Each structure stands twice: as C-alpha cells, then as structure tokens.
Amino acid sequence: LFIRQTLLGNQTAFEKLVIKYRPMIFDLVVSYVKNSADAEDLTQEVFL
C-alpha cells in the first residue's frame, strides 16, 4: 500500500516505510562500516 501510494506521488507514504525499516537498515549498515555516525548518513542514502 505504501509503495503504491509513493509511486502515485504521496511522499508521506514513503516516509512511513523509512520509519518502519530504518532500524533494520541502520543495524545492517553499522555491521559493515563499524561507525554509527557514518552509518547514519549511509542509511539515509540507502533510502534515497
């Protein structure tokens, strides 16, 4: 539902996906880069 809404131009719907999956992606990125500060920026870029 959120994906469909996003593709129709509803950016708030994508932000809901970000909120839902950010913890999972952040933890994954930290496991690679071993640095929470760099991981913060990389997580943002993943969602972009």
All heavy atoms as atom14 arrays in JSON, in Angstrom:
{
  "sequence": "LFIRQTLLGNQTAFEKLVIKYRPMIFDLVVSYVKNSADAEDLTQEVFL",
  "atom14_mask": [
    [1, 1, 1, 1, 1, 1, 1, 1, 0, 0, 0, 0, 0, 0],
    [1, 1, 1, 1, 1, 1, 1, 1, 1, 1, 1, 0, 0, 0],
    [1, 1, 1, 1, 1, 1, 1, 1, 0, 0, 0, 0, 0, 0],
    [1, 1, 1, 1, 1, 1, 1, 1, 1, 1, 1, 0, 0, 0],
    [1, 1, 1, 1, 1, 1, 1, 1, 1, 0, 0, 0, 0, 0],
    [1, 1, 1, 1, 1, 1, 1, 0, 0, 0, 0, 0, 0, 0],
    [1, 1, 1, 1, 1, 1, 1, 1, 0, 0, 0, 0, 0, 0],
    [1, 1, 1, 1, 1, 1, 1, 1, 0, 0, 0, 0, 0, 0],
    [1, 1, 1, 1, 0, 0, 0, 0, 0, 0, 0, 0, 0, 0],
    [1, 1, 1, 1, 1, 1, 1, 1, 0, 0, 0, 0, 0, 0],
    [1, 1, 1, 1, 1, 1, 1, 1, 1, 0, 0, 0, 0, 0],
    [1, 1, 1, 1, 1, 1, 1, 0, 0, 0, 0, 0, 0, 0],
    [1, 1, 1, 1, 1, 0, 0, 0, 0, 0, 0, 0, 0, 0],
    [1, 1, 1, 1, 1, 1, 1, 1, 1, 1, 1, 0, 0, 0],
    [1, 1, 1, 1, 1, 1, 1, 1, 1, 0, 0, 0, 0, 0],
    [1, 1, 1, 1, 1, 1, 1, 1, 1, 0, 0, 0, 0, 0],
    [1, 1, 1, 1, 1, 1, 1, 1, 0, 0, 0, 0, 0, 0],
    [1, 1, 1, 1, 1, 1, 1, 0, 0, 0, 0, 0, 0, 0],
    [1, 1, 1, 1, 1, 1, 1, 1, 0, 0, 0, 0, 0, 0],
    [1, 1, 1, 1, 1, 1, 1, 1, 1, 0, 0, 0, 0, 0],
    [1, 1, 1, 1, 1, 1, 1, 1, 1, 1, 1, 1, 0, 0],
    [1, 1, 1, 1, 1, 1, 1, 1, 1, 1, 1, 0, 0, 0],
    [1, 1, 1, 1, 1, 1, 1, 0, 0, 0, 0, 0, 0, 0],
    [1, 1, 1, 1, 1, 1, 1, 1, 0, 0, 0, 0, 0, 0],
    [1, 1, 1, 1, 1, 1, 1, 1, 0, 0, 0, 0, 0, 0],
    [1, 1, 1, 1, 1, 1, 1, 1, 1, 1, 1, 0, 0, 0],
    [1, 1, 1, 1, 1, 1, 1, 1, 0, 0, 0, 0, 0, 0],
    [1, 1, 1, 1, 1, 1, 1, 1, 0, 0, 0, 0, 0, 0],
    [1, 1, 1, 1, 1, 1, 1, 0, 0, 0, 0, 0, 0, 0],
    [1, 1, 1, 1, 1, 1, 1, 0, 0, 0, 0, 0, 0, 0],
    [1, 1, 1, 1, 1, 1, 0, 0, 0, 0, 0, 0, 0, 0],
    [1, 1, 1, 1, 1, 1, 1, 1, 1, 1, 1, 1, 0, 0],
    [1, 1, 1, 1, 1, 1, 1, 0, 0, 0, 0, 0, 0, 0],
    [1, 1, 1, 1, 1, 1, 1, 1, 1, 0, 0, 0, 0, 0],
    [1, 1, 1, 1, 1, 1, 1, 1, 0, 0, 0, 0, 0, 0],
    [1, 1, 1, 1, 1, 1, 0, 0, 0, 0, 0, 0, 0, 0],
    [1, 1, 1, 1, 1, 0, 0, 0, 0, 0, 0, 0, 0, 0],
    [1, 1, 1, 1, 1, 1, 1, 1, 0, 0, 0, 0, 0, 0],
    [1, 1, 1, 1, 1, 0, 0, 0, 0, 0, 0, 0, 0, 0],
    [1, 1, 1, 1, 1, 1, 1, 1, 1, 0, 0, 0, 0, 0],
    [1, 1, 1, 1, 1, 1, 1, 1, 0, 0, 0, 0, 0, 0],
    [1, 1, 1, 1, 1, 1, 1, 1, 0, 0, 0, 0, 0, 0],
    [1, 1, 1, 1, 1, 1, 1, 0, 0, 0, 0, 0, 0, 0],
    [1, 1, 1, 1, 1, 1, 1, 1, 1, 0, 0, 0, 0, 0],
    [1, 1, 1, 1, 1, 1, 1, 1, 1, 0, 0, 0, 0, 0],
    [1, 1, 1, 1, 1, 1, 1, 0, 0, 0, 0, 0, 0, 0],
    [1, 1, 1, 1, 1, 1, 1, 1, 1, 1, 1, 0, 0, 0],
    [1, 1, 1, 1, 1, 1, 1, 1, 0, 0, 0, 0, 0, 0]
  ],
  "atom14_positions": [
    [[0.83, -1.2, 0.0], [0.0, 0.0, 0.0], [0.86, 1.25, 0.0], [0.64, 2.18, -0.8], [-0.93, 0.0, 1.22], [-1.77, 1.26, 1.42], [-2.72, 1.46, 0.23], [-2.55, 1.18, 2.73], [0.0, 0.0, 0.0], [0.0, 0.0, 0.0], [0.0, 0.0, 0.0], [0.0, 0.0, 0.0], [0.0, 0.0, 0.0], [0.0, 0.0, 0.0]],
    [[1.88, 1.29, 0.87], [2.76, 2.46, 0.95], [3.54, 2.66, -0.35], [3.75, 3.79, -0.79], [3.73, 2.31, 2.12], [3.1, 2.41, 3.48], [3.67, 1.77, 4.58], [1.95, 3.16, 3.67], [3.1, 1.87, 5.83], [1.36, 3.26, 4.93], [1.95, 2.62, 6.01], [0.0, 0.0, 0.0], [0.0, 0.0, 0.0], [0.0, 0.0, 0.0]],
    [[3.96, 1.56, -0.96], [4.71, 1.65, -2.22], [3.81, 2.2, -3.32], [4.2, 3.09, -4.08], [5.26, 0.27, -2.62], [6.38, -0.15, -1.66], [5.78, 0.28, -4.06], [6.79, -1.6, -1.79], [0.0, 0.0, 0.0], [0.0, 0.0, 0.0], [0.0, 0.0, 0.0], [0.0, 0.0, 0.0], [0.0, 0.0, 0.0], [0.0, 0.0, 0.0]],
    [[2.58, 1.68, -3.38], [1.64, 2.17, -4.39], [1.38, 3.66, -4.21], [1.38, 4.43, -5.17], [0.33, 1.38, -4.29], [-0.69, 1.75, -5.37], [-2.0, 1.01, -5.16], [-1.8, -0.44, -5.2], [-2.19, -1.27, -4.25], [-2.78, -0.81, -3.16], [-1.99, -2.55, -4.37], [0.0, 0.0, 0.0], [0.0, 0.0, 0.0], [0.0, 0.0, 0.0]],
    [[1.18, 4.08, -2.97], [0.91, 5.5, -2.7], [2.12, 6.37, -3.05], [1.97, 7.47, -3.57], [0.53, 5.68, -1.23], [-0.82, 5.08, -0.88], [-1.1, 5.15, 0.62], [-0.19, 5.25, 1.45], [-2.37, 5.09, 0.98], [0.0, 0.0, 0.0], [0.0, 0.0, 0.0], [0.0, 0.0, 0.0], [0.0, 0.0, 0.0], [0.0, 0.0, 0.0]],
    [[3.32, 5.85, -2.74], [4.54, 6.59, -3.06], [4.67, 6.81, -4.56], [4.97, 7.92, -5.02], [5.78, 5.84, -2.55], [5.7, 5.7, -1.13], [7.06, 6.59, -2.9], [0.0, 0.0, 0.0], [0.0, 0.0, 0.0], [0.0, 0.0, 0.0], [0.0, 0.0, 0.0], [0.0, 0.0, 0.0], [0.0, 0.0, 0.0], [0.0, 0.0, 0.0]],
    [[4.42, 5.76, -5.33], [4.54, 5.85, -6.78], [3.48, 6.76, -7.38], [3.64, 7.27, -8.5], [4.45, 4.45, -7.4], [5.64, 3.52, -7.07], [5.39, 2.12, -7.59], [6.93, 4.09, -7.66], [0.0, 0.0, 0.0], [0.0, 0.0, 0.0], [0.0, 0.0, 0.0], [0.0, 0.0, 0.0], [0.0, 0.0, 0.0], [0.0, 0.0, 0.0]],
    [[2.42, 7.0, -6.63], [1.38, 7.93, -7.08], [1.68, 9.37, -6.64], [0.89, 10.27, -6.91], [0.01, 7.49, -6.53], [-0.57, 6.21, -7.17], [-1.84, 5.78, -6.43], [-0.87, 6.44, -8.65], [0.0, 0.0, 0.0], [0.0, 0.0, 0.0], [0.0, 0.0, 0.0], [0.0, 0.0, 0.0], [0.0, 0.0, 0.0], [0.0, 0.0, 0.0]],
    [[2.83, 9.54, -5.95], [3.24, 10.89, -5.58], [3.09, 11.26, -4.12], [3.37, 12.39, -3.72], [0.0, 0.0, 0.0], [0.0, 0.0, 0.0], [0.0, 0.0, 0.0], [0.0, 0.0, 0.0], [0.0, 0.0, 0.0], [0.0, 0.0, 0.0], [0.0, 0.0, 0.0], [0.0, 0.0, 0.0], [0.0, 0.0, 0.0], [0.0, 0.0, 0.0]],
    [[2.66, 10.3, -3.3], [2.47, 10.56, -1.88], [3.79, 10.3, -1.13], [4.1, 9.16, -0.79], [1.36, 9.68, -1.32], [1.04, 9.97, 0.13], [1.81, 10.64, 0.83], [-0.08, 9.46, 0.61], [0.0, 0.0, 0.0], [0.0, 0.0, 0.0], [0.0, 0.0, 0.0], [0.0, 0.0, 0.0], [0.0, 0.0, 0.0], [0.0, 0.0, 0.0]],
    [[4.58, 11.34, -0.89], [5.88, 11.16, -0.26], [5.77, 10.82, 1.23], [6.68, 10.24, 1.81], [6.73, 12.41, -0.47], [7.1, 12.59, -1.94], [7.9, 13.83, -2.21], [7.93, 14.75, -1.4], [8.54, 13.89, -3.37], [0.0, 0.0, 0.0], [0.0, 0.0, 0.0], [0.0, 0.0, 0.0], [0.0, 0.0, 0.0], [0.0, 0.0, 0.0]],
    [[4.65, 11.18, 1.84], [4.43, 10.81, 3.24], [4.39, 9.29, 3.39], [4.83, 8.74, 4.4], [3.12, 11.43, 3.76], [3.19, 12.85, 3.63], [2.9, 11.07, 5.22], [0.0, 0.0, 0.0], [0.0, 0.0, 0.0], [0.0, 0.0, 0.0], [0.0, 0.0, 0.0], [0.0, 0.0, 0.0], [0.0, 0.0, 0.0], [0.0, 0.0, 0.0]],
    [[3.87, 8.62, 2.38], [3.81, 7.16, 2.41], [5.21, 6.57, 2.44], [5.47, 5.59, 3.15], [3.04, 6.64, 1.2], [0.0, 0.0, 0.0], [0.0, 0.0, 0.0], [0.0, 0.0, 0.0], [0.0, 0.0, 0.0], [0.0, 0.0, 0.0], [0.0, 0.0, 0.0], [0.0, 0.0, 0.0], [0.0, 0.0, 0.0], [0.0, 0.0, 0.0]],
    [[6.13, 7.16, 1.68], [7.5, 6.64, 1.69], [8.15, 6.88, 3.05], [8.93, 6.05, 3.52], [8.34, 7.29, 0.58], [9.71, 6.68, 0.47], [9.87, 5.42, -0.11], [10.82, 7.32, 0.97], [11.13, 4.83, -0.18], [12.08, 6.74, 0.89], [12.23, 5.49, 0.32], [0.0, 0.0, 0.0], [0.0, 0.0, 0.0], [0.0, 0.0, 0.0]],
    [[7.84, 8.0, 3.66], [8.41, 8.29, 4.98], [7.96, 7.24, 6.0], [8.71, 6.9, 6.93], [8.0, 9.69, 5.43], [8.7, 10.79, 4.63], [8.12, 12.17, 4.86], [7.43, 12.35, 5.9], [8.33, 13.06, 4.02], [0.0, 0.0, 0.0], [0.0, 0.0, 0.0], [0.0, 0.0, 0.0], [0.0, 0.0, 0.0], [0.0, 0.0, 0.0]],
    [[6.78, 6.68, 5.81], [6.31, 5.61, 6.69], [7.16, 4.35, 6.5], [7.45, 3.63, 7.47], [4.84, 5.31, 6.42], [3.91, 6.44, 6.87], [2.46, 6.15, 6.52], [1.57, 7.31, 6.97], [0.15, 7.1, 6.58], [0.0, 0.0, 0.0], [0.0, 0.0, 0.0], [0.0, 0.0, 0.0], [0.0, 0.0, 0.0], [0.0, 0.0, 0.0]],
    [[7.58, 4.11, 5.26], [8.47, 2.98, 5.01], [9.84, 3.22, 5.64], [10.46, 2.29, 6.18], [8.63, 2.77, 3.5], [7.42, 2.2, 2.76], [7.63, 2.28, 1.25], [7.16, 0.75, 3.18], [0.0, 0.0, 0.0], [0.0, 0.0, 0.0], [0.0, 0.0, 0.0], [0.0, 0.0, 0.0], [0.0, 0.0, 0.0], [0.0, 0.0, 0.0]],
    [[10.28, 4.46, 5.6], [11.56, 4.81, 6.22], [11.49, 4.55, 7.72], [12.39, 3.92, 8.3], [11.92, 6.28, 5.95], [13.16, 6.67, 6.76], [12.17, 6.52, 4.47], [0.0, 0.0, 0.0], [0.0, 0.0, 0.0], [0.0, 0.0, 0.0], [0.0, 0.0, 0.0], [0.0, 0.0, 0.0], [0.0, 0.0, 0.0], [0.0, 0.0, 0.0]],
    [[10.45, 5.02, 8.35], [10.29, 4.84, 9.8], [10.24, 3.36, 10.16], [10.85, 2.91, 11.13], [9.01, 5.56, 10.29], [9.17, 7.07, 10.17], [8.68, 5.16, 11.73], [7.88, 7.85, 10.38], [0.0, 0.0, 0.0], [0.0, 0.0, 0.0], [0.0, 0.0, 0.0], [0.0, 0.0, 0.0], [0.0, 0.0, 0.0], [0.0, 0.0, 0.0]],
    [[9.55, 2.6, 9.35], [9.36, 1.17, 9.62], [10.67, 0.38, 9.5], [10.97, -0.48, 10.33], [8.32, 0.61, 8.65], [8.02, -0.88, 8.83], [6.92, -1.3, 7.88], [6.6, -2.79, 8.03], [5.51, -3.2, 7.11], [0.0, 0.0, 0.0], [0.0, 0.0, 0.0], [0.0, 0.0, 0.0], [0.0, 0.0, 0.0], [0.0, 0.0, 0.0]],
    [[11.46, 0.69, 8.47], [12.63, -0.13, 8.18], [13.97, 0.5, 8.53], [15.02, -0.15, 8.4], [12.64, -0.53, 6.69], [11.57, -1.54, 6.35], [10.45, -1.19, 5.62], [11.68, -2.86, 6.81], [9.46, -2.12, 5.33], [10.7, -3.8, 6.53], [9.59, -3.42, 5.79], [8.61, -4.35, 5.52], [0.0, 0.0, 0.0], [0.0, 0.0, 0.0]],
    [[13.95, 1.73, 8.99], [15.21, 2.39, 9.31], [16.04, 1.63, 10.35], [17.26, 1.46, 10.16], [14.97, 3.83, 9.78], [16.27, 4.59, 9.98], [16.08, 5.93, 10.67], [17.37, 6.53, 10.93], [18.22, 6.14, 11.87], [17.9, 5.12, 12.66], [19.38, 6.73, 12.03], [0.0, 0.0, 0.0], [0.0, 0.0, 0.0], [0.0, 0.0, 0.0]],
    [[15.46, 1.17, 11.47], [16.27, 0.43, 12.46], [16.97, -0.79, 11.85], [18.15, -1.04, 12.13], [15.24, 0.02, 13.52], [14.15, 1.05, 13.39], [14.06, 1.35, 11.93], [0.0, 0.0, 0.0], [0.0, 0.0, 0.0], [0.0, 0.0, 0.0], [0.0, 0.0, 0.0], [0.0, 0.0, 0.0], [0.0, 0.0, 0.0], [0.0, 0.0, 0.0]],
    [[16.27, -1.54, 11.02], [16.85, -2.73, 10.39], [18.02, -2.35, 9.49], [19.09, -2.97, 9.55], [15.78, -3.46, 9.58], [16.31, -4.67, 8.81], [15.06, -5.39, 7.7], [15.16, -4.24, 6.3], [0.0, 0.0, 0.0], [0.0, 0.0, 0.0], [0.0, 0.0, 0.0], [0.0, 0.0, 0.0], [0.0, 0.0, 0.0], [0.0, 0.0, 0.0]],
    [[17.84, -1.33, 8.67], [18.88, -0.92, 7.73], [20.05, -0.29, 8.46], [21.22, -0.55, 8.13], [18.3, 0.04, 6.66], [17.24, -0.7, 5.81], [19.41, 0.59, 5.77], [17.75, -1.94, 5.11], [0.0, 0.0, 0.0], [0.0, 0.0, 0.0], [0.0, 0.0, 0.0], [0.0, 0.0, 0.0], [0.0, 0.0, 0.0], [0.0, 0.0, 0.0]],
    [[19.77, 0.51, 9.46], [20.85, 1.15, 10.22], [21.73, 0.08, 10.87], [22.97, 0.16, 10.8], [20.28, 2.08, 11.29], [21.33, 2.75, 12.12], [22.02, 3.86, 11.63], [21.64, 2.29, 13.39], [22.99, 4.49, 12.39], [22.62, 2.91, 14.15], [23.29, 4.02, 13.65], [0.0, 0.0, 0.0], [0.0, 0.0, 0.0], [0.0, 0.0, 0.0]],
    [[21.13, -0.93, 11.49], [21.9, -2.0, 12.13], [22.75, -2.75, 11.1], [23.9, -3.12, 11.38], [20.96, -2.98, 12.83], [20.34, -2.39, 14.1], [20.83, -1.35, 14.57], [19.36, -2.98, 14.59], [0.0, 0.0, 0.0], [0.0, 0.0, 0.0], [0.0, 0.0, 0.0], [0.0, 0.0, 0.0], [0.0, 0.0, 0.0], [0.0, 0.0, 0.0]],
    [[22.19, -2.97, 9.92], [22.93, -3.65, 8.86], [24.13, -2.81, 8.41], [25.25, -3.33, 8.27], [22.01, -3.92, 7.67], [22.67, -4.54, 6.44], [23.24, -5.93, 6.77], [21.65, -4.65, 5.3], [0.0, 0.0, 0.0], [0.0, 0.0, 0.0], [0.0, 0.0, 0.0], [0.0, 0.0, 0.0], [0.0, 0.0, 0.0], [0.0, 0.0, 0.0]],
    [[23.91, -1.52, 8.22], [24.98, -0.63, 7.76], [26.08, -0.53, 8.81], [27.27, -0.59, 8.49], [24.43, 0.77, 7.42], [25.56, 1.74, 7.11], [23.48, 0.69, 6.23], [0.0, 0.0, 0.0], [0.0, 0.0, 0.0], [0.0, 0.0, 0.0], [0.0, 0.0, 0.0], [0.0, 0.0, 0.0], [0.0, 0.0, 0.0], [0.0, 0.0, 0.0]],
    [[25.72, -0.42, 10.08], [26.71, -0.36, 11.16], [27.57, -1.62, 11.17], [28.78, -1.56, 11.42], [26.03, -0.18, 12.53], [27.01, -0.44, 13.67], [25.48, 1.23, 12.67], [0.0, 0.0, 0.0], [0.0, 0.0, 0.0], [0.0, 0.0, 0.0], [0.0, 0.0, 0.0], [0.0, 0.0, 0.0], [0.0, 0.0, 0.0], [0.0, 0.0, 0.0]],
    [[26.97, -2.76, 10.87], [27.73, -4.01, 10.86], [28.8, -4.0, 9.78], [29.8, -4.71, 9.88], [26.79, -5.21, 10.66], [26.33, -5.3, 9.33], [0.0, 0.0, 0.0], [0.0, 0.0, 0.0], [0.0, 0.0, 0.0], [0.0, 0.0, 0.0], [0.0, 0.0, 0.0], [0.0, 0.0, 0.0], [0.0, 0.0, 0.0], [0.0, 0.0, 0.0]],
    [[28.62, -3.2, 8.76], [29.61, -3.07, 7.68], [30.65, -2.01, 7.99], [31.85, -2.25, 7.86], [28.93, -2.71, 6.35], [28.41, -3.89, 5.57], [27.17, -4.45, 5.86], [29.14, -4.45, 4.53], [26.67, -5.53, 5.14], [28.67, -5.52, 3.8], [27.43, -6.06, 4.11], [26.95, -7.14, 3.41], [0.0, 0.0, 0.0], [0.0, 0.0, 0.0]],
    [[30.19, -0.81, 8.38], [31.12, 0.33, 8.47], [31.69, 0.54, 9.87], [32.65, 1.3, 10.04], [30.44, 1.63, 7.97], [29.95, 1.45, 6.55], [29.32, 2.09, 8.88], [0.0, 0.0, 0.0], [0.0, 0.0, 0.0], [0.0, 0.0, 0.0], [0.0, 0.0, 0.0], [0.0, 0.0, 0.0], [0.0, 0.0, 0.0], [0.0, 0.0, 0.0]],
    [[31.11, -0.12, 10.89], [31.63, -0.08, 12.26], [31.69, 1.33, 12.82], [32.52, 1.65, 13.67], [33.04, -0.7, 12.35], [33.21, -2.02, 11.63], [32.29, -3.09, 12.16], [32.53, -4.42, 11.44], [31.57, -5.46, 11.83], [0.0, 0.0, 0.0], [0.0, 0.0, 0.0], [0.0, 0.0, 0.0], [0.0, 0.0, 0.0], [0.0, 0.0, 0.0]],
    [[30.79, 2.19, 12.36], [30.82, 3.6, 12.78], [29.41, 4.13, 12.69], [28.84, 4.26, 11.6], [31.77, 4.38, 11.85], [31.87, 5.84, 12.22], [30.87, 6.53, 12.35], [33.1, 6.31, 12.38], [0.0, 0.0, 0.0], [0.0, 0.0, 0.0], [0.0, 0.0, 0.0], [0.0, 0.0, 0.0], [0.0, 0.0, 0.0], [0.0, 0.0, 0.0]],
    [[28.81, 4.45, 13.84], [27.4, 4.86, 13.85], [27.16, 6.18, 13.14], [26.09, 6.41, 12.56], [26.89, 4.95, 15.29], [27.63, 5.9, 16.03], [0.0, 0.0, 0.0], [0.0, 0.0, 0.0], [0.0, 0.0, 0.0], [0.0, 0.0, 0.0], [0.0, 0.0, 0.0], [0.0, 0.0, 0.0], [0.0, 0.0, 0.0], [0.0, 0.0, 0.0]],
    [[28.17, 7.07, 13.18], [27.98, 8.37, 12.53], [27.97, 8.24, 11.02], [27.1, 8.8, 10.34], [29.09, 9.32, 12.97], [0.0, 0.0, 0.0], [0.0, 0.0, 0.0], [0.0, 0.0, 0.0], [0.0, 0.0, 0.0], [0.0, 0.0, 0.0], [0.0, 0.0, 0.0], [0.0, 0.0, 0.0], [0.0, 0.0, 0.0], [0.0, 0.0, 0.0]],
    [[28.94, 7.51, 10.46], [28.93, 7.27, 9.02], [27.7, 6.46, 8.62], [27.11, 6.68, 7.56], [30.2, 6.53, 8.59], [31.44, 7.41, 8.64], [31.31, 8.61, 8.37], [32.51, 6.89, 8.96], [0.0, 0.0, 0.0], [0.0, 0.0, 0.0], [0.0, 0.0, 0.0], [0.0, 0.0, 0.0], [0.0, 0.0, 0.0], [0.0, 0.0, 0.0]],
    [[27.31, 5.52, 9.47], [26.15, 4.68, 9.18], [24.88, 5.51, 9.07], [23.98, 5.19, 8.28], [25.99, 3.62, 10.28], [0.0, 0.0, 0.0], [0.0, 0.0, 0.0], [0.0, 0.0, 0.0], [0.0, 0.0, 0.0], [0.0, 0.0, 0.0], [0.0, 0.0, 0.0], [0.0, 0.0, 0.0], [0.0, 0.0, 0.0], [0.0, 0.0, 0.0]],
    [[24.8, 6.57, 9.86], [23.63, 7.45, 9.81], [23.45, 8.03, 8.4], [22.36, 7.99, 7.82], [23.8, 8.59, 10.82], [22.61, 9.51, 10.95], [21.43, 8.86, 11.64], [21.64, 8.1, 12.6], [20.29, 9.11, 11.19], [0.0, 0.0, 0.0], [0.0, 0.0, 0.0], [0.0, 0.0, 0.0], [0.0, 0.0, 0.0], [0.0, 0.0, 0.0]],
    [[24.53, 8.56, 7.85], [24.47, 9.15, 6.51], [24.23, 8.09, 5.44], [23.46, 8.29, 4.5], [25.76, 9.9, 6.2], [25.76, 11.3, 6.8], [24.76, 11.67, 7.43], [26.76, 12.01, 6.64], [0.0, 0.0, 0.0], [0.0, 0.0, 0.0], [0.0, 0.0, 0.0], [0.0, 0.0, 0.0], [0.0, 0.0, 0.0], [0.0, 0.0, 0.0]],
    [[24.9, 6.95, 5.57], [24.75, 5.89, 4.58], [23.33, 5.33, 4.58], [22.78, 5.0, 3.53], [25.75, 4.77, 4.84], [27.21, 5.13, 4.55], [28.14, 4.04, 5.04], [27.42, 5.38, 3.07], [0.0, 0.0, 0.0], [0.0, 0.0, 0.0], [0.0, 0.0, 0.0], [0.0, 0.0, 0.0], [0.0, 0.0, 0.0], [0.0, 0.0, 0.0]],
    [[22.72, 5.25, 5.75], [21.33, 4.78, 5.86], [20.4, 5.71, 5.09], [19.51, 5.27, 4.37], [20.9, 4.67, 7.33], [21.72, 3.71, 8.0], [19.45, 4.25, 7.46], [0.0, 0.0, 0.0], [0.0, 0.0, 0.0], [0.0, 0.0, 0.0], [0.0, 0.0, 0.0], [0.0, 0.0, 0.0], [0.0, 0.0, 0.0], [0.0, 0.0, 0.0]],
    [[20.62, 7.01, 5.25], [19.82, 7.99, 4.51], [19.97, 7.77, 3.0], [19.0, 7.83, 2.25], [20.25, 9.4, 4.87], [19.97, 9.8, 6.3], [20.68, 11.1, 6.66], [21.05, 11.88, 5.81], [20.86, 11.32, 7.95], [0.0, 0.0, 0.0], [0.0, 0.0, 0.0], [0.0, 0.0, 0.0], [0.0, 0.0, 0.0], [0.0, 0.0, 0.0]],
    [[21.2, 7.52, 2.57], [21.47, 7.34, 1.14], [20.85, 6.06, 0.61], [20.42, 6.0, -0.55], [22.97, 7.38, 0.89], [23.57, 8.75, 1.14], [25.1, 8.76, 1.12], [25.69, 7.72, 0.73], [25.69, 9.79, 1.47], [0.0, 0.0, 0.0], [0.0, 0.0, 0.0], [0.0, 0.0, 0.0], [0.0, 0.0, 0.0], [0.0, 0.0, 0.0]],
    [[20.77, 5.03, 1.44], [20.13, 3.77, 1.05], [18.66, 4.02, 0.75], [18.13, 3.57, -0.28], [20.28, 2.7, 2.16], [19.33, 1.52, 1.91], [21.72, 2.22, 2.23], [0.0, 0.0, 0.0], [0.0, 0.0, 0.0], [0.0, 0.0, 0.0], [0.0, 0.0, 0.0], [0.0, 0.0, 0.0], [0.0, 0.0, 0.0], [0.0, 0.0, 0.0]],
    [[18.0, 4.77, 1.63], [16.58, 5.05, 1.4], [16.37, 5.96, 0.2], [15.36, 5.84, -0.51], [15.94, 5.64, 2.66], [15.61, 4.59, 3.69], [16.37, 4.44, 4.83], [14.53, 3.73, 3.5], [16.08, 3.46, 5.77], [14.23, 2.74, 4.44], [15.01, 2.61, 5.57], [0.0, 0.0, 0.0], [0.0, 0.0, 0.0], [0.0, 0.0, 0.0]],
    [[17.31, 6.86, -0.04], [17.21, 7.7, -1.23], [17.3, 6.83, -2.49], [16.52, 7.02, -3.44], [18.34, 8.74, -1.23], [18.39, 9.65, -2.47], [17.11, 10.47, -2.6], [19.61, 10.57, -2.4], [0.0, 0.0, 0.0], [0.0, 0.0, 0.0], [0.0, 0.0, 0.0], [0.0, 0.0, 0.0], [0.0, 0.0, 0.0], [0.0, 0.0, 0.0]]
  ]
}
